[in-house]
Protein backbone atom coordinates (compact mmCIF):
# COMPACT_ATOMS: atom_id res chain seq x y z
CA MET A 1 80.57 97.74 92.52
CA LYS A 2 79.69 100.22 95.26
CA LEU A 3 76.10 101.10 96.12
CA ASP A 4 75.50 104.81 96.76
CA ALA A 5 72.41 106.78 97.74
CA ALA A 6 70.82 110.00 96.51
CA LEU A 7 69.72 112.70 98.93
CA PRO A 8 66.07 113.68 98.41
CA PRO A 9 65.20 117.36 97.74
CA ILE A 10 64.70 118.29 101.40
CA ASP A 11 65.24 121.17 103.82
CA LEU A 12 68.66 121.45 105.43
CA LYS A 13 67.25 120.64 108.86
CA ASP A 14 66.45 117.12 107.68
CA VAL A 15 69.88 116.34 106.22
CA PRO A 16 71.57 115.12 109.45
CA THR A 17 68.95 112.41 109.98
CA ILE A 18 69.35 111.10 106.43
CA ALA A 19 73.15 111.24 106.58
CA LYS A 20 73.26 109.20 109.78
CA ALA A 21 70.79 106.66 108.43
CA ALA A 22 72.60 106.31 105.10
CA GLU A 23 75.91 105.58 106.81
CA GLU A 24 74.28 103.11 109.21
CA ILE A 25 72.67 101.21 106.35
CA GLY A 26 76.03 100.93 104.63
CA PHE A 27 75.88 103.10 101.53
CA ALA A 28 79.33 103.91 100.15
CA ALA A 29 78.42 107.52 99.36
CA LEU A 30 75.56 110.00 99.62
CA TRP A 31 75.09 112.33 96.65
CA THR A 32 73.42 115.73 96.62
CA GLN A 33 71.92 117.33 93.54
CA GLU A 34 71.17 120.79 92.21
CA THR A 35 67.43 120.82 91.59
CA GLN A 36 65.37 122.63 94.22
CA HIS A 37 68.27 123.42 96.57
CA ASP A 38 71.95 124.35 96.57
CA PRO A 39 74.02 121.15 96.30
CA PHE A 40 76.89 122.21 98.57
CA LEU A 41 75.13 123.30 101.76
CA PRO A 42 73.88 119.77 102.59
CA CYS A 43 77.42 118.46 102.13
CA ALA A 44 78.66 120.33 105.20
CA LEU A 45 75.96 118.63 107.26
CA ILE A 46 76.67 115.22 105.76
CA ALA A 47 80.34 115.65 106.67
CA GLU A 48 79.41 116.60 110.23
CA HIS A 49 76.98 113.73 110.77
CA SER A 50 78.94 110.89 109.21
CA SER A 51 82.46 109.53 109.67
CA LYS A 52 83.17 106.88 107.01
CA MET A 53 80.80 107.45 104.11
CA GLN A 54 81.91 109.45 101.10
CA PHE A 55 79.67 112.24 99.84
CA GLY A 56 79.58 114.66 96.98
CA THR A 57 77.63 116.63 94.42
CA ALA A 58 75.89 114.79 91.60
CA ILE A 59 75.88 117.34 90.34
CA ALA A 60 76.67 121.01 90.96
CA VAL A 61 76.12 123.20 87.88
CA SER A 62 79.63 124.21 86.90
CA PHE A 63 78.77 126.92 84.36
CA ALA A 64 76.78 128.78 87.03
CA ARG A 65 79.92 129.21 89.18
CA SER A 66 83.47 130.45 88.88
CA PRO A 67 86.39 128.01 89.29
CA ALA A 68 87.48 129.92 92.38
CA ASN A 69 84.08 129.45 94.04
CA LEU A 70 84.21 125.73 93.31
CA ALA A 71 87.82 125.39 94.45
CA TYR A 72 87.23 127.09 97.82
CA THR A 73 84.02 125.20 98.58
CA ALA A 74 85.47 121.80 97.69
CA TRP A 75 88.61 122.55 99.71
CA ASP A 76 86.63 123.38 102.84
CA LEU A 77 84.44 120.27 102.51
CA ALA A 78 87.45 118.03 101.97
CA ALA A 79 89.15 119.53 105.03
CA GLN A 80 86.02 119.18 107.16
CA SER A 81 85.55 115.52 106.22
CA ASN A 82 89.17 114.33 106.15
CA GLY A 83 89.07 113.66 102.43
CA ARG A 84 85.63 112.14 101.95
CA PHE A 85 84.26 114.81 99.60
CA ILE A 86 83.90 114.29 95.83
CA LEU A 87 83.37 117.31 93.59
CA GLY A 88 80.82 116.36 90.94
CA LEU A 89 80.24 118.88 88.15
CA GLY A 90 77.76 119.10 85.31
CA THR A 91 77.26 121.70 82.61
CA GLN A 92 73.43 121.71 82.47
CA VAL A 93 71.87 122.67 79.13
CA LYS A 94 71.92 126.00 77.32
CA ALA A 95 68.37 127.09 78.17
CA HIS A 96 68.95 126.71 81.91
CA ILE A 97 72.35 128.40 81.92
CA GLU A 98 71.04 131.38 79.98
CA ARG A 99 67.46 131.69 81.23
CA ARG A 100 67.56 130.24 84.77
CA PHE A 101 71.05 131.23 85.89
CA GLY A 102 71.46 134.29 83.66
CA MET A 103 74.91 133.20 82.52
CA THR A 104 76.54 132.91 79.10
CA TRP A 105 76.60 129.59 77.26
CA PRO A 106 80.11 128.89 75.91
CA GLU A 107 81.01 128.23 72.30
CA SER A 108 82.76 125.04 73.39
CA VAL A 109 81.17 123.12 76.26
CA THR A 110 84.05 120.71 76.66
CA GLY A 111 86.57 123.53 76.22
CA LYS A 112 85.14 125.61 79.04
CA LEU A 113 84.63 122.66 81.39
CA ARG A 114 88.20 121.51 80.71
CA GLU A 115 89.48 124.96 81.72
CA GLN A 116 87.30 125.02 84.83
CA ILE A 117 88.81 121.75 85.98
CA LEU A 118 92.35 122.93 85.24
CA VAL A 119 91.82 126.24 87.05
CA ILE A 120 90.33 124.49 90.09
CA ARG A 121 93.35 122.20 90.26
CA ALA A 122 95.68 125.17 89.80
CA PHE A 123 94.16 126.75 92.91
CA TRP A 124 94.54 123.50 94.82
CA ASP A 125 98.15 123.12 93.73
CA THR A 126 98.88 126.64 94.96
CA TRP A 127 97.23 126.04 98.31
CA GLN A 128 98.73 122.60 98.88
CA ASN A 129 102.22 122.98 97.40
CA GLY A 130 102.88 126.73 97.22
CA THR A 131 103.00 126.71 93.42
CA LYS A 132 102.57 130.16 91.88
CA LEU A 133 99.04 130.61 90.52
CA ASN A 134 99.40 131.33 86.82
CA PHE A 135 96.58 130.01 84.65
CA ARG A 136 95.83 131.70 81.33
CA GLY A 137 93.24 130.19 79.02
CA GLU A 138 90.50 131.09 76.58
CA TYR A 139 87.77 131.35 79.21
CA TYR A 140 89.65 132.00 82.46
CA LYS A 141 92.67 133.86 83.73
CA ALA A 142 93.76 133.24 87.33
CA THR A 143 97.06 134.77 88.41
CA LEU A 144 96.51 136.33 91.85
CA MET A 145 96.72 134.51 95.18
CA SER A 146 97.98 136.58 98.09
CA PRO A 147 98.52 134.95 101.52
CA PHE A 148 95.44 136.63 103.02
CA PHE A 149 93.17 134.67 100.68
CA GLN A 150 95.05 131.36 100.70
CA PRO A 151 93.67 128.54 102.87
CA PRO A 152 96.07 126.20 104.67
CA PRO A 153 97.05 122.88 103.06
CA LEU A 154 94.94 119.82 103.59
CA LEU A 155 96.72 118.06 106.43
CA SER A 156 97.54 114.40 106.41
CA SER A 157 95.26 112.55 108.83
CA PRO A 158 93.31 109.31 109.11
CA ILE A 159 90.22 109.34 106.96
CA GLY A 160 87.10 107.26 106.79
CA GLU A 161 87.18 103.62 105.76
CA GLY A 162 86.51 103.17 102.08
CA SER A 163 87.32 106.74 101.14
CA GLY A 164 91.00 106.41 100.33
CA GLU A 165 94.29 106.81 102.07
CA ALA A 166 96.17 109.62 103.76
CA SER A 167 99.36 110.89 102.15
CA GLY A 168 102.17 112.97 103.55
CA SER A 169 101.40 115.72 101.03
CA GLY A 170 97.83 116.04 102.20
CA VAL A 171 94.57 114.13 102.52
CA ARG A 172 94.14 112.04 99.39
CA SER A 173 90.94 110.28 98.60
CA GLU A 174 90.13 107.71 95.94
CA ARG A 175 92.67 106.97 93.21
CA GLY A 176 95.24 109.22 94.87
CA ALA A 177 93.48 112.46 94.01
CA LEU A 178 93.75 115.33 96.47
CA ILE A 179 90.04 115.95 95.86
CA PRO A 180 88.37 113.70 93.24
CA ILE A 181 86.54 115.44 90.42
CA TYR A 182 83.69 113.68 88.63
CA ILE A 183 81.93 115.21 85.64
CA ALA A 184 78.52 114.26 84.30
CA GLY A 185 77.30 113.93 80.77
CA VAL A 186 74.93 112.33 78.30
CA ASN A 187 77.04 112.53 75.15
CA SER A 188 80.47 111.26 74.17
CA GLY A 189 82.32 114.59 74.36
CA LEU A 190 82.07 114.92 78.13
CA ALA A 191 82.67 111.19 78.62
CA ARG A 192 85.90 111.58 76.66
CA LEU A 193 86.89 114.59 78.76
CA ALA A 194 86.27 112.59 81.93
CA GLY A 195 88.62 109.92 80.66
CA GLU A 196 91.29 112.52 80.01
CA LEU A 197 91.11 114.56 83.22
CA CYS A 198 88.85 113.19 85.92
CA GLU A 199 88.65 110.61 88.68
CA GLY A 200 85.04 109.79 87.83
CA PHE A 201 82.22 110.07 85.32
CA HIS A 202 78.57 110.44 86.33
CA ALA A 203 76.51 108.95 83.53
CA HIS A 204 73.23 110.83 83.20
CA PRO A 205 70.22 108.82 84.47
CA PHE A 206 68.85 108.82 80.91
CA ASN A 207 70.87 105.87 79.73
CA SER A 208 70.60 102.23 78.75
CA PRO A 209 73.16 99.43 79.09
CA ARG A 210 73.50 99.46 75.30
CA TYR A 211 74.12 103.21 75.19
CA LEU A 212 76.67 102.92 77.98
CA LYS A 213 78.52 100.06 76.27
CA GLU A 214 78.42 101.39 72.71
CA ILE A 215 78.74 105.16 73.20
CA LEU A 216 79.87 106.32 76.63
CA LEU A 217 82.39 103.70 77.75
CA PRO A 218 84.29 103.78 74.42
CA ALA A 219 84.45 107.58 74.70
CA VAL A 220 85.81 107.33 78.24
CA GLU A 221 88.38 104.84 76.97
CA GLU A 222 89.43 107.25 74.20
CA GLY A 223 90.09 109.92 76.79
CA LEU A 224 92.04 107.52 78.99
CA GLN A 225 94.25 106.42 76.13
CA LYS A 226 94.92 109.99 75.08
CA GLU A 227 96.51 110.69 78.46
CA ASN A 228 98.06 107.23 78.92
CA ARG A 229 95.65 106.40 81.69
CA SER A 230 93.94 103.06 82.34
CA ARG A 231 90.40 102.03 83.23
CA LYS A 232 91.35 101.69 86.89
CA ASP A 233 92.08 105.43 86.98
CA ILE A 234 88.41 106.38 86.71
CA SER A 235 85.14 105.42 88.42
CA ILE A 236 82.01 105.09 86.31
CA SER A 237 79.04 106.15 88.40
CA ILE A 238 75.63 105.09 87.12
CA THR A 239 72.25 106.33 88.31
CA ALA A 240 69.68 103.69 87.48
CA PHE A 241 65.94 103.84 87.02
CA VAL A 242 64.30 100.89 88.77
CA ALA A 243 60.65 99.92 89.16
CA THR A 244 59.33 97.26 91.51
CA SER A 245 55.66 98.33 91.44
CA PRO A 246 53.13 99.80 89.00
CA GLU A 247 53.48 103.16 90.74
CA GLU A 248 57.24 103.15 90.24
CA GLU A 249 56.76 102.19 86.59
CA SER A 250 54.51 105.22 86.09
CA PHE A 251 57.06 107.48 87.74
CA ALA A 252 59.84 106.07 85.57
CA ARG A 253 57.80 106.62 82.38
CA MET A 254 57.23 110.23 83.37
CA GLN A 255 60.92 110.94 84.06
CA ILE A 256 62.12 109.09 80.97
CA ALA A 257 59.66 111.06 78.83
CA PHE A 258 60.95 114.31 80.30
CA TYR A 259 64.60 113.47 79.62
CA ALA A 260 63.86 112.08 76.15
CA SER A 261 62.23 115.39 75.19
CA THR A 262 65.53 117.26 75.66
CA PRO A 263 67.08 117.92 72.22
CA SER A 264 70.67 117.62 73.45
CA TYR A 265 69.90 114.12 74.76
CA ARG A 266 68.59 112.95 71.39
CA THR A 267 71.53 110.62 70.74
CA VAL A 268 70.24 108.19 73.36
CA MET A 269 66.90 107.78 71.58
CA ASP A 270 68.52 107.78 68.13
CA LEU A 271 70.74 104.82 69.01
CA HIS A 272 67.63 102.74 69.65
CA GLY A 273 65.77 103.98 66.57
CA TRP A 274 63.34 106.12 68.54
CA GLY A 275 64.21 109.52 67.09
CA ALA A 276 60.64 110.13 65.87
CA ALA A 277 59.26 109.56 69.36
CA ALA A 278 61.85 111.98 70.75
CA GLU A 279 60.70 114.62 68.25
CA LYS A 280 57.11 114.21 69.41
CA LEU A 281 58.15 114.44 73.04
CA SER A 282 60.06 117.67 72.34
CA SER A 283 56.96 119.08 70.66
CA PHE A 284 54.78 118.24 73.66
CA ALA A 285 57.34 119.74 76.06
CA ALA A 286 57.53 122.96 74.04
CA LYS A 287 53.78 123.36 74.42
CA GLY A 288 53.80 122.42 78.12
CA GLU A 289 51.70 119.32 77.49
CA TRP A 290 53.48 117.25 80.14
CA ALA A 291 50.60 114.87 80.90
CA GLU A 292 50.59 113.44 77.37
CA MET A 293 54.31 112.67 77.28
CA PRO A 294 54.51 109.44 79.37
CA MET A 295 52.05 107.78 76.99
CA LEU A 296 54.71 107.90 74.27
CA ILE A 297 57.08 105.76 76.36
CA THR A 298 56.33 102.22 75.22
CA ASP A 299 56.98 99.11 77.31
CA GLU A 300 60.01 98.42 75.13
CA MET A 301 61.43 101.86 75.89
CA LEU A 302 60.63 101.51 79.58
CA HIS A 303 62.52 98.21 79.87
CA GLU A 304 65.49 99.62 77.94
CA PHE A 305 65.91 102.62 80.26
CA CYS A 306 64.56 101.16 83.50
CA LEU A 307 65.11 97.89 85.34
CA VAL A 308 61.64 96.46 85.97
CA THR A 309 61.75 93.66 88.53
CA ASP A 310 60.57 92.84 92.05
CA GLU A 311 62.14 93.80 95.36
CA LYS A 312 63.39 90.29 96.04
CA ASN A 313 65.47 90.12 92.87
CA LEU A 314 66.48 93.78 92.59
CA ALA A 315 70.05 93.43 93.88
CA SER A 316 70.90 90.44 91.68
CA GLU A 317 69.26 92.01 88.62
CA LEU A 318 71.14 95.28 89.15
CA LYS A 319 74.44 93.42 89.30
CA LYS A 320 73.61 91.47 86.16
CA ARG A 321 72.53 94.61 84.27
CA TYR A 322 75.55 96.76 85.19
CA GLU A 323 78.34 94.21 85.65
CA GLY A 324 81.41 95.38 83.75
CA ILE A 325 79.87 98.83 83.30
CA ALA A 326 79.51 100.53 86.67
CA ASP A 327 81.96 101.02 89.53
CA ARG A 328 79.37 102.94 91.54
CA LEU A 329 75.61 102.54 91.37
CA THR A 330 72.88 104.85 92.67
CA LEU A 331 69.16 104.26 92.36
CA TYR A 332 67.26 107.18 90.83
CA THR A 333 64.80 106.94 93.71
CA PRO A 334 66.18 109.12 96.54
CA PHE A 335 66.93 107.47 99.87
CA ILE A 336 64.39 108.23 102.62
CA PRO A 337 65.02 106.73 106.10
CA LYS A 338 62.41 104.46 107.69
CA GLU A 339 61.08 103.54 104.26
CA LYS A 340 62.21 99.93 103.74
CA ASP A 341 65.35 100.32 105.86
CA GLU A 342 65.85 96.56 106.28
CA TRP A 343 65.45 96.07 102.54
CA TRP A 344 68.06 98.77 101.87
CA LYS A 345 70.45 97.13 104.34
CA LYS A 346 70.04 93.78 102.62
CA ILE A 347 70.79 95.28 99.22
CA SER A 348 73.78 97.31 100.44
CA LYS A 349 75.34 94.21 102.00
CA SER A 350 75.10 92.38 98.70
CA PHE A 351 77.32 94.97 97.03
CA ASN A 352 81.08 95.36 97.46
CA ILE A 353 81.15 98.26 99.89
């Protein structure tokens, strides 16, 4: 199990310091996110200010971008970093796609994301191998690639320790992929798609070990079997809520309440028999009554969705909780240098990095 870190929502000028510190501490990867900032711009700085550590987006909102945009950006970041970049995509929810990004929500979420992935890889195949670009689907048509707009192939070269191996046909990172693609999801449909097509699956932070074991991992396995793939062909990346103090418990309750109020995430609460609480949380969120929501997260719910322990036992408890589930583990709390650096180093050394 690899221990990764999450980049805090910070200005670009602060990214180099965090990237250097994260690599020095020993994290296997540093993930950016699309909340207050663009997720790709920090990646260029992480690539520049690290040499071994992987990095990627967890996640970039796929439905807010064209496959060509994603293909070009990922290609440049992979070239800059000698194969250390991981393209992590997520669909977001309908309200944000339509009302925040001003885009159209598709009739089939998995159908459109599947096509995005296939189009991206069609671009990469053209650029790397000279294959004629000719993708025609329900959502996308990509048939034009003249030499003026075609980037050079990814050249074979030594790449950072822990990020994969170089191949004569181009830089190849983990599991032999030219550029690994991870997709994120809460429900079984996207987990199944990840098993079919992707090198990794980012489980949404709103999860429990039971939900992962009973819903998401079986769906991933269905996708793997459909394409005659095996479990070793995909990385399961888990973001975990942890609390080692009363303040962290309060923060976790607040975030769990927010996620549990999202209608499309209802299956997580339903599995545990907490559908009525989820309905109440949705009602509070609709009225903007955010302060009342954490009070609906009981201690039982908190312990199901969040590992509550002390700093001394955190590493061992994380391993126990996610053994046999996660290949990569990231704490929900973003990594900030000079805050418990020695503690972070101790934890990172206890994982298989």
